[in-house]
Amino acid sequence: MVTDAASSGTAPSGGSGPSQGTAPSSEAVTPAGLDAARLIKEHQAGVWRYLRVLGCSANQAEDLTQETFLAVLQKPFQEINRAATAAYLRQVARNLFISSQRRAARGVAMAELDEIEAAWGRWAANDDGRELLVALQKCLETLADKARQALELRFREKQSRAAIAAALGMSEDGAKNLMQRAKQHLRTCIERSLRC
């Protein structure tokens, strides 16, 4: 489940979320009683991280984060609590991501998205992914250099399995097995880290 988002964790601004100043204007048409500036400040990084975990590039995550807040701010919306608001924003972001993938004629694996959503709920819902990101960074450091390089080539640089195999001097099946073992190691390491 490692993605470009998970492996880099940083936005173009150098932080671990969207660059500040690119959020939709808080002067946008908003439902009565909704503090748009506060909503954006509290949830922007979490929406951006979630989109990165779904597979967005940093720029696409920036764009879809903005679209998410614009969509939410233009329709009636009642905040119940922080967790419910975050879940609602993730659902809007997820729908926008699916629409953007379909417009670009890219397939969307709904089962994989459901798995990502379930994992996000287990690991990241309470802090918008901050603890998960820290755990991932620590767990990446425990990987062998070749395994880490393979994952970086795959998820950061979007290289094909054939290109990864060539770069690492191994067969495609060898690269596939290496990445599967590395992802399983990360999954186990992160789960153990988050349980502590």
Protein backbone atom coordinates (compact mmCIF):
# COMPACT_ATOMS: atom_id res chain seq x y z
CA MET A 1 0.00 0.00 0.00
CA VAL A 2 2.99 2.31 -0.24
CA THR A 3 2.43 5.09 -2.69
CA ASP A 4 4.28 8.11 -3.91
CA ALA A 5 2.58 10.03 -1.12
CA ALA A 6 3.70 7.67 1.52
CA SER A 7 7.25 7.46 0.29
CA SER A 8 7.84 11.19 0.01
CA GLY A 9 5.38 12.66 2.49
CA THR A 10 6.25 16.15 1.46
CA ALA A 11 4.46 18.80 -0.48
CA PRO A 12 6.12 21.16 -2.94
CA SER A 13 6.35 23.64 -0.08
CA GLY A 14 8.65 21.25 1.78
CA GLY A 15 6.12 20.38 4.48
CA SER A 16 4.03 17.29 4.94
CA GLY A 17 0.91 18.73 3.42
CA PRO A 18 -0.33 21.16 0.83
CA SER A 19 1.46 24.43 0.39
CA GLN A 20 -0.15 27.18 2.36
CA GLY A 21 -1.72 29.98 0.43
CA THR A 22 -3.20 27.68 -2.21
CA ALA A 23 -6.38 26.94 -0.31
CA PRO A 24 -9.66 28.16 -1.68
CA SER A 25 -10.50 31.64 -0.55
CA SER A 26 -12.35 31.73 2.73
CA GLU A 27 -14.45 34.41 1.08
CA ALA A 28 -16.04 31.77 -1.13
CA VAL A 29 -19.79 31.39 -0.85
CA THR A 30 -20.22 29.42 2.37
CA PRO A 31 -23.21 28.08 4.20
CA ALA A 32 -24.30 30.20 7.14
CA GLY A 33 -22.32 29.62 10.31
CA LEU A 34 -19.45 27.69 8.70
CA ASP A 35 -16.00 29.13 9.42
CA ALA A 36 -14.30 28.37 6.11
CA ALA A 37 -10.85 29.56 7.19
CA ARG A 38 -10.91 27.32 10.26
CA LEU A 39 -12.24 24.35 8.27
CA ILE A 40 -9.44 24.68 5.73
CA LYS A 41 -6.76 25.23 8.36
CA GLU A 42 -7.84 22.17 10.36
CA HIS A 43 -8.37 19.75 7.48
CA GLN A 44 -6.31 20.83 4.47
CA ALA A 45 -3.20 18.79 5.31
CA GLY A 46 -5.25 15.67 6.07
CA VAL A 47 -7.16 15.86 2.78
CA TRP A 48 -3.90 16.41 0.88
CA ARG A 49 -2.22 13.43 2.59
CA TYR A 50 -5.24 11.24 1.93
CA LEU A 51 -5.17 12.13 -1.77
CA ARG A 52 -1.45 11.35 -1.90
CA VAL A 53 -2.13 7.94 -0.34
CA LEU A 54 -4.78 7.34 -3.02
CA GLY A 55 -2.04 7.86 -5.60
CA CYS A 56 -2.15 11.54 -6.56
CA SER A 57 1.00 13.39 -7.49
CA ALA A 58 1.76 16.36 -5.25
CA ASN A 59 0.35 18.78 -7.84
CA GLN A 60 -2.79 16.72 -8.42
CA ALA A 61 -3.30 16.45 -4.65
CA GLU A 62 -2.99 20.26 -4.41
CA ASP A 63 -5.61 20.72 -7.14
CA LEU A 64 -8.02 18.13 -5.75
CA THR A 65 -7.64 19.48 -2.21
CA GLN A 66 -8.71 22.89 -3.48
CA GLU A 67 -11.60 21.36 -5.43
CA THR A 68 -12.66 19.43 -2.32
CA PHE A 69 -12.96 22.57 -0.20
CA LEU A 70 -14.64 24.51 -2.99
CA ALA A 71 -17.24 21.75 -3.38
CA VAL A 72 -17.86 21.53 0.37
CA LEU A 73 -18.01 25.30 0.84
CA GLN A 74 -20.55 25.75 -1.95
CA LYS A 75 -23.11 23.30 -0.58
CA PRO A 76 -24.97 23.17 2.71
CA PHE A 77 -22.80 21.40 5.24
CA GLN A 78 -23.24 20.92 8.95
CA GLU A 79 -20.25 20.12 11.11
CA ILE A 80 -21.01 17.49 13.72
CA ASN A 81 -17.51 16.86 15.05
CA ARG A 82 -13.93 16.83 13.76
CA ALA A 83 -13.91 13.11 12.88
CA ALA A 84 -17.19 13.29 10.95
CA THR A 85 -16.01 16.39 9.09
CA ALA A 86 -12.71 14.73 8.17
CA ALA A 87 -14.57 11.62 6.94
CA TYR A 88 -16.92 13.76 4.84
CA LEU A 89 -14.01 15.71 3.33
CA ARG A 90 -12.21 12.44 2.50
CA GLN A 91 -15.34 11.14 0.76
CA VAL A 92 -15.61 14.30 -1.34
CA ALA A 93 -11.88 14.11 -2.15
CA ARG A 94 -12.17 10.42 -3.04
CA ASN A 95 -15.08 11.13 -5.43
CA LEU A 96 -13.12 13.96 -7.08
CA PHE A 97 -10.09 11.65 -7.41
CA ILE A 98 -12.20 8.93 -9.06
CA SER A 99 -13.72 11.49 -11.45
CA SER A 100 -10.29 12.86 -12.37
CA GLN A 101 -8.96 9.35 -13.02
CA ARG A 102 -11.92 8.54 -15.25
CA ARG A 103 -11.54 11.82 -17.18
CA ALA A 104 -7.89 10.93 -17.77
CA ALA A 105 -8.99 7.47 -19.00
CA ARG A 106 -7.14 5.77 -16.14
CA GLY A 107 -8.66 2.78 -14.45
CA VAL A 108 -9.79 3.04 -10.86
CA ALA A 109 -9.51 -0.08 -8.73
CA MET A 110 -12.45 0.44 -6.39
CA ALA A 111 -11.50 -2.51 -4.18
CA GLU A 112 -8.05 -1.00 -3.71
CA LEU A 113 -9.58 2.38 -2.82
CA ASP A 114 -11.83 0.66 -0.29
CA GLU A 115 -8.78 -1.05 1.22
CA ILE A 116 -6.93 2.27 1.42
CA GLU A 117 -9.96 3.91 3.09
CA ALA A 118 -10.16 1.10 5.66
CA ALA A 119 -6.44 1.36 6.38
CA TRP A 120 -6.70 5.14 6.70
CA GLY A 121 -9.51 4.69 9.20
CA ARG A 122 -7.40 2.29 11.27
CA TRP A 123 -4.13 4.17 11.11
CA ALA A 124 -4.64 7.83 10.32
CA ALA A 125 -8.16 9.08 10.97
CA ASN A 126 -7.38 10.63 14.36
CA ASP A 127 -4.44 12.80 13.31
CA ASP A 128 -4.84 13.20 9.52
CA GLY A 129 -1.96 10.83 8.92
CA ARG A 130 0.81 12.56 10.87
CA GLU A 131 1.61 9.54 13.06
CA LEU A 132 1.42 7.21 10.06
CA LEU A 133 3.85 9.39 8.12
CA VAL A 134 6.35 9.37 10.98
CA ALA A 135 6.02 5.58 11.31
CA LEU A 136 6.50 5.12 7.55
CA GLN A 137 9.61 7.29 7.50
CA LYS A 138 11.12 5.28 10.37
CA CYS A 139 10.17 1.97 8.75
CA LEU A 140 11.64 3.00 5.38
CA GLU A 141 14.97 3.44 7.15
CA THR A 142 14.86 -0.24 8.18
CA LEU A 143 14.66 -1.49 4.59
CA ALA A 144 17.72 -2.77 2.77
CA ASP A 145 19.07 -0.21 0.30
CA LYS A 146 18.01 -2.22 -2.76
CA ALA A 147 14.44 -2.65 -1.46
CA ARG A 148 14.14 1.05 -0.60
CA GLN A 149 15.51 2.00 -4.02
CA ALA A 150 13.02 -0.32 -5.74
CA LEU A 151 10.09 1.28 -3.89
CA GLU A 152 11.37 4.78 -4.61
CA LEU A 153 11.67 3.97 -8.30
CA ARG A 154 8.15 2.52 -8.33
CA PHE A 155 6.24 4.99 -6.23
CA ARG A 156 8.21 8.22 -6.35
CA GLU A 157 9.43 8.02 -9.93
CA LYS A 158 6.53 5.90 -11.29
CA GLN A 159 8.93 3.50 -13.07
CA SER A 160 7.72 0.27 -14.64
CA ARG A 161 8.74 -3.08 -13.19
CA ALA A 162 11.00 -3.62 -16.23
CA ALA A 163 12.78 -0.30 -15.65
CA ILE A 164 13.20 -1.09 -11.95
CA ALA A 165 14.60 -4.52 -12.75
CA ALA A 166 17.09 -3.00 -15.21
CA ALA A 167 18.15 -0.30 -12.73
CA LEU A 168 18.72 -2.88 -10.00
CA GLY A 169 20.32 -5.50 -12.25
CA MET A 170 17.71 -8.19 -11.65
CA SER A 171 14.89 -9.95 -13.45
CA GLU A 172 11.38 -8.49 -13.53
CA ASP A 173 10.15 -11.31 -11.31
CA GLY A 174 13.00 -10.59 -8.91
CA ALA A 175 12.03 -6.91 -8.79
CA LYS A 176 8.38 -7.85 -8.25
CA ASN A 177 9.27 -10.18 -5.37
CA LEU A 178 11.62 -7.61 -3.83
CA MET A 179 8.93 -4.93 -3.86
CA GLN A 180 6.29 -7.30 -2.47
CA ARG A 181 8.58 -8.29 0.41
CA ALA A 182 9.49 -4.64 1.04
CA LYS A 183 5.83 -3.57 1.13
CA GLN A 184 4.98 -6.41 3.49
CA HIS A 185 7.90 -5.41 5.72
CA LEU A 186 6.66 -1.81 5.76
CA ARG A 187 3.09 -2.89 6.50
CA THR A 188 4.20 -5.07 9.42
CA CYS A 189 6.62 -2.43 10.72
CA ILE A 190 3.98 0.33 10.57
CA GLU A 191 1.31 -1.78 12.22
CA ARG A 192 3.72 -2.71 15.02
CA SER A 193 4.81 0.92 15.39
CA LEU A 194 1.23 2.23 15.59
CA ARG A 195 0.19 -0.38 18.16
CA CYS A 196 2.87 0.79 20.58
